[in-house]
N, C-alpha and C. Protein backbone atom coordinates (compact mmCIF):
# COMPACT_ATOMS: atom_id res chain seq x y z
N MET A 1 14.55 1.05 -9.33
CA MET A 1 15.00 1.01 -7.95
C MET A 1 16.15 -0.01 -7.84
N LYS A 2 17.29 0.38 -8.27
CA LYS A 2 18.49 -0.45 -8.11
C LYS A 2 18.31 -1.83 -8.70
N ASP A 3 17.82 -1.89 -9.93
CA ASP A 3 17.65 -3.15 -10.66
C ASP A 3 16.61 -4.09 -10.05
N ARG A 4 15.70 -3.57 -9.25
CA ARG A 4 14.61 -4.37 -8.70
C ARG A 4 13.30 -3.83 -9.23
N PRO A 5 12.34 -4.72 -9.44
CA PRO A 5 11.04 -4.20 -9.87
C PRO A 5 10.41 -3.37 -8.75
N ALA A 6 9.65 -2.37 -9.14
CA ALA A 6 9.04 -1.48 -8.15
C ALA A 6 7.61 -1.16 -8.54
N ILE A 7 6.81 -0.92 -7.52
CA ILE A 7 5.48 -0.36 -7.68
C ILE A 7 5.58 1.06 -7.16
N VAL A 8 5.22 2.01 -7.98
CA VAL A 8 5.30 3.42 -7.58
C VAL A 8 3.91 4.03 -7.67
N GLU A 9 3.50 4.67 -6.60
CA GLU A 9 2.22 5.38 -6.62
C GLU A 9 2.48 6.83 -6.28
N ILE A 10 1.73 7.70 -6.92
CA ILE A 10 1.84 9.13 -6.67
C ILE A 10 0.55 9.60 -6.01
N LYS A 11 0.70 10.30 -4.90
CA LYS A 11 -0.45 10.84 -4.16
C LYS A 11 -0.25 12.33 -3.97
N THR A 12 -1.31 13.02 -3.61
CA THR A 12 -1.22 14.42 -3.21
C THR A 12 -1.82 14.54 -1.83
N GLY A 13 -1.38 15.55 -1.10
CA GLY A 13 -1.94 15.80 0.22
C GLY A 13 -1.13 15.18 1.33
N ALA A 14 -1.83 14.70 2.35
CA ALA A 14 -1.18 14.19 3.55
C ALA A 14 -0.52 12.84 3.30
N VAL A 15 0.52 12.58 4.08
CA VAL A 15 1.18 11.27 4.08
C VAL A 15 0.51 10.44 5.17
N LEU A 16 -0.06 9.29 4.78
CA LEU A 16 -0.80 8.46 5.73
C LEU A 16 -0.07 7.15 6.00
N PRO A 17 -0.15 6.64 7.23
CA PRO A 17 0.51 5.37 7.55
C PRO A 17 -0.10 4.18 6.81
N SER A 18 -1.32 4.34 6.33
CA SER A 18 -1.98 3.24 5.63
C SER A 18 -1.44 3.00 4.21
N TYR A 19 -0.61 3.90 3.72
CA TYR A 19 -0.09 3.74 2.36
C TYR A 19 0.70 2.44 2.18
N SER A 20 1.48 2.06 3.17
CA SER A 20 2.27 0.82 3.04
C SER A 20 1.36 -0.39 2.94
N ILE A 21 0.25 -0.35 3.66
CA ILE A 21 -0.72 -1.45 3.64
C ILE A 21 -1.43 -1.51 2.28
N GLN A 22 -1.82 -0.36 1.77
CA GLN A 22 -2.47 -0.28 0.46
C GLN A 22 -1.55 -0.82 -0.63
N MET A 23 -0.29 -0.45 -0.57
CA MET A 23 0.65 -0.89 -1.60
C MET A 23 0.97 -2.38 -1.48
N ALA A 24 0.87 -2.94 -0.29
CA ALA A 24 1.04 -4.39 -0.14
C ALA A 24 -0.10 -5.11 -0.85
N GLY A 25 -1.29 -4.55 -0.79
CA GLY A 25 -2.42 -5.13 -1.52
C GLY A 25 -2.19 -5.10 -3.02
N TYR A 26 -1.65 -4.00 -3.52
CA TYR A 26 -1.32 -3.93 -4.95
C TYR A 26 -0.29 -4.98 -5.33
N ALA A 27 0.77 -5.05 -4.54
CA ALA A 27 1.87 -5.98 -4.84
C ALA A 27 1.38 -7.42 -4.84
N ASN A 28 0.43 -7.72 -3.99
CA ASN A 28 -0.07 -9.09 -3.88
C ASN A 28 -0.75 -9.57 -5.16
N LEU A 29 -1.11 -8.66 -6.04
CA LEU A 29 -1.72 -9.03 -7.31
C LEU A 29 -0.69 -9.46 -8.35
N LEU A 30 0.59 -9.29 -8.03
CA LEU A 30 1.66 -9.57 -8.98
C LEU A 30 2.39 -10.87 -8.63
N PRO A 31 3.07 -11.47 -9.61
CA PRO A 31 3.86 -12.66 -9.30
C PRO A 31 5.02 -12.28 -8.35
N GLU A 32 5.32 -13.14 -7.42
CA GLU A 32 6.38 -12.89 -6.43
C GLU A 32 6.24 -11.52 -5.78
N PRO A 33 5.13 -11.28 -5.10
CA PRO A 33 4.81 -9.93 -4.60
C PRO A 33 5.84 -9.35 -3.64
N SER A 34 6.52 -10.18 -2.88
CA SER A 34 7.48 -9.63 -1.91
C SER A 34 8.78 -9.18 -2.57
N SER A 35 8.93 -9.42 -3.87
CA SER A 35 10.16 -9.01 -4.55
C SER A 35 10.12 -7.56 -5.02
N TYR A 36 8.96 -6.91 -4.92
CA TYR A 36 8.81 -5.55 -5.42
C TYR A 36 9.13 -4.51 -4.35
N GLU A 37 9.83 -3.48 -4.77
CA GLU A 37 9.97 -2.31 -3.92
C GLU A 37 8.63 -1.58 -3.97
N ARG A 38 8.18 -1.07 -2.85
CA ARG A 38 6.94 -0.30 -2.80
C ARG A 38 7.32 1.15 -2.51
N VAL A 39 7.04 2.01 -3.48
CA VAL A 39 7.49 3.40 -3.39
C VAL A 39 6.29 4.33 -3.49
N MET A 40 6.17 5.22 -2.53
CA MET A 40 5.11 6.22 -2.54
C MET A 40 5.75 7.59 -2.72
N VAL A 41 5.28 8.32 -3.72
CA VAL A 41 5.72 9.69 -3.93
C VAL A 41 4.53 10.58 -3.63
N THR A 42 4.69 11.45 -2.65
CA THR A 42 3.62 12.37 -2.27
C THR A 42 3.98 13.76 -2.75
N LEU A 43 3.10 14.35 -3.54
CA LEU A 43 3.31 15.70 -4.06
C LEU A 43 2.56 16.70 -3.18
N PHE A 44 3.21 17.82 -2.90
CA PHE A 44 2.61 18.86 -2.07
C PHE A 44 2.34 20.11 -2.91
N SER A 45 1.38 20.90 -2.48
CA SER A 45 1.00 22.10 -3.23
C SER A 45 2.13 23.12 -3.27
N THR A 46 3.13 22.97 -2.43
CA THR A 46 4.27 23.89 -2.41
C THR A 46 5.26 23.61 -3.54
N GLY A 47 5.03 22.50 -4.25
CA GLY A 47 5.97 22.10 -5.30
C GLY A 47 7.00 21.09 -4.81
N HIS A 48 7.01 20.84 -3.50
CA HIS A 48 7.92 19.85 -2.94
C HIS A 48 7.29 18.46 -3.03
N TYR A 49 8.09 17.46 -2.80
CA TYR A 49 7.59 16.09 -2.79
C TYR A 49 8.32 15.29 -1.72
N ARG A 50 7.75 14.16 -1.40
CA ARG A 50 8.34 13.25 -0.41
C ARG A 50 8.27 11.85 -1.00
N THR A 51 9.36 11.12 -0.86
CA THR A 51 9.42 9.75 -1.33
C THR A 51 9.57 8.82 -0.13
N ASP A 52 8.70 7.83 -0.04
CA ASP A 52 8.78 6.82 1.01
C ASP A 52 8.94 5.46 0.34
N VAL A 53 9.92 4.70 0.78
CA VAL A 53 10.11 3.34 0.30
C VAL A 53 9.79 2.41 1.46
N TYR A 54 8.83 1.53 1.25
CA TYR A 54 8.38 0.63 2.31
C TYR A 54 9.19 -0.65 2.26
N SER A 55 9.61 -1.08 3.42
CA SER A 55 10.52 -2.21 3.56
C SER A 55 9.93 -3.51 3.02
N ARG A 56 10.74 -4.21 2.24
CA ARG A 56 10.31 -5.53 1.78
C ARG A 56 10.23 -6.50 2.95
N LEU A 57 10.97 -6.23 4.02
CA LEU A 57 10.91 -7.08 5.21
C LEU A 57 9.57 -6.96 5.93
N GLU A 58 8.88 -5.85 5.73
CA GLU A 58 7.58 -5.62 6.37
C GLU A 58 6.42 -5.99 5.45
N PHE A 59 6.72 -6.50 4.26
CA PHE A 59 5.66 -6.80 3.30
C PHE A 59 4.64 -7.77 3.87
N ARG A 60 5.08 -8.87 4.47
CA ARG A 60 4.13 -9.88 4.97
C ARG A 60 3.21 -9.31 6.04
N ALA A 61 3.75 -8.51 6.95
CA ALA A 61 2.93 -7.90 7.99
C ALA A 61 1.95 -6.89 7.38
N ASP A 62 2.42 -6.10 6.42
CA ASP A 62 1.54 -5.14 5.75
C ASP A 62 0.44 -5.86 4.98
N LEU A 63 0.80 -6.96 4.31
CA LEU A 63 -0.21 -7.72 3.57
C LEU A 63 -1.22 -8.35 4.51
N ALA A 64 -0.77 -8.87 5.64
CA ALA A 64 -1.70 -9.46 6.61
C ALA A 64 -2.70 -8.42 7.10
N THR A 65 -2.24 -7.21 7.33
CA THR A 65 -3.14 -6.13 7.76
C THR A 65 -4.13 -5.79 6.65
N PHE A 66 -3.63 -5.69 5.41
CA PHE A 66 -4.52 -5.42 4.27
C PHE A 66 -5.60 -6.48 4.16
N LEU A 67 -5.23 -7.75 4.23
CA LEU A 67 -6.19 -8.84 4.09
C LEU A 67 -7.19 -8.85 5.25
N SER A 68 -6.73 -8.50 6.44
CA SER A 68 -7.65 -8.40 7.59
C SER A 68 -8.70 -7.32 7.35
N CYS A 69 -8.27 -6.18 6.86
CA CYS A 69 -9.21 -5.09 6.55
C CYS A 69 -10.18 -5.51 5.46
N LEU A 70 -9.67 -6.17 4.45
CA LEU A 70 -10.53 -6.66 3.36
C LEU A 70 -11.59 -7.62 3.89
N ASN A 71 -11.20 -8.52 4.76
CA ASN A 71 -12.16 -9.47 5.34
C ASN A 71 -13.24 -8.76 6.14
N ILE A 72 -12.88 -7.74 6.88
CA ILE A 72 -13.87 -6.99 7.66
C ILE A 72 -14.86 -6.29 6.74
N VAL A 73 -14.36 -5.65 5.69
CA VAL A 73 -15.24 -4.97 4.73
C VAL A 73 -16.19 -5.97 4.08
N GLN A 74 -15.67 -7.13 3.69
CA GLN A 74 -16.52 -8.14 3.06
C GLN A 74 -17.57 -8.66 4.03
N PHE A 75 -17.21 -8.86 5.29
CA PHE A 75 -18.16 -9.32 6.30
C PHE A 75 -19.26 -8.28 6.49
N LYS A 76 -18.86 -7.01 6.63
CA LYS A 76 -19.85 -5.96 6.83
C LYS A 76 -20.78 -5.82 5.62
N THR A 77 -20.24 -5.99 4.43
CA THR A 77 -21.06 -5.92 3.22
C THR A 77 -22.04 -7.08 3.16
N LEU A 78 -21.55 -8.28 3.43
CA LEU A 78 -22.39 -9.48 3.40
C LEU A 78 -23.56 -9.37 4.38
N HIS A 79 -23.29 -8.84 5.55
CA HIS A 79 -24.31 -8.78 6.60
C HIS A 79 -24.98 -7.40 6.69
N ARG A 80 -24.73 -6.57 5.69
CA ARG A 80 -25.35 -5.25 5.60
C ARG A 80 -25.18 -4.43 6.87
N ILE A 81 -23.99 -4.47 7.39
CA ILE A 81 -23.68 -3.69 8.60
C ILE A 81 -23.23 -2.30 8.18
N GLY A 82 -23.82 -1.30 8.78
CA GLY A 82 -23.44 0.08 8.49
C GLY A 82 -24.14 0.72 7.33
N GLU A 83 -25.19 0.09 6.85
CA GLU A 83 -25.94 0.69 5.73
C GLU A 83 -26.83 1.81 6.19
């Protein structure tokens, strides 16, 4: 991606708004996570594909949302909510 490191994920089916949040979680596992381009390639049964590149400017907001979701899941697991 133009001489920048990138994380690329390939999915099939619907394009979901949560993909940018999921990829922020992946990037956060790497050194200098905001330096990575986050690229989602969605393959369709028609043989077509769609490429979405998520803004590095939105990385912090996407990561904050990911971490908030993670905290909720951990809380629910700890307190056995929804079993």
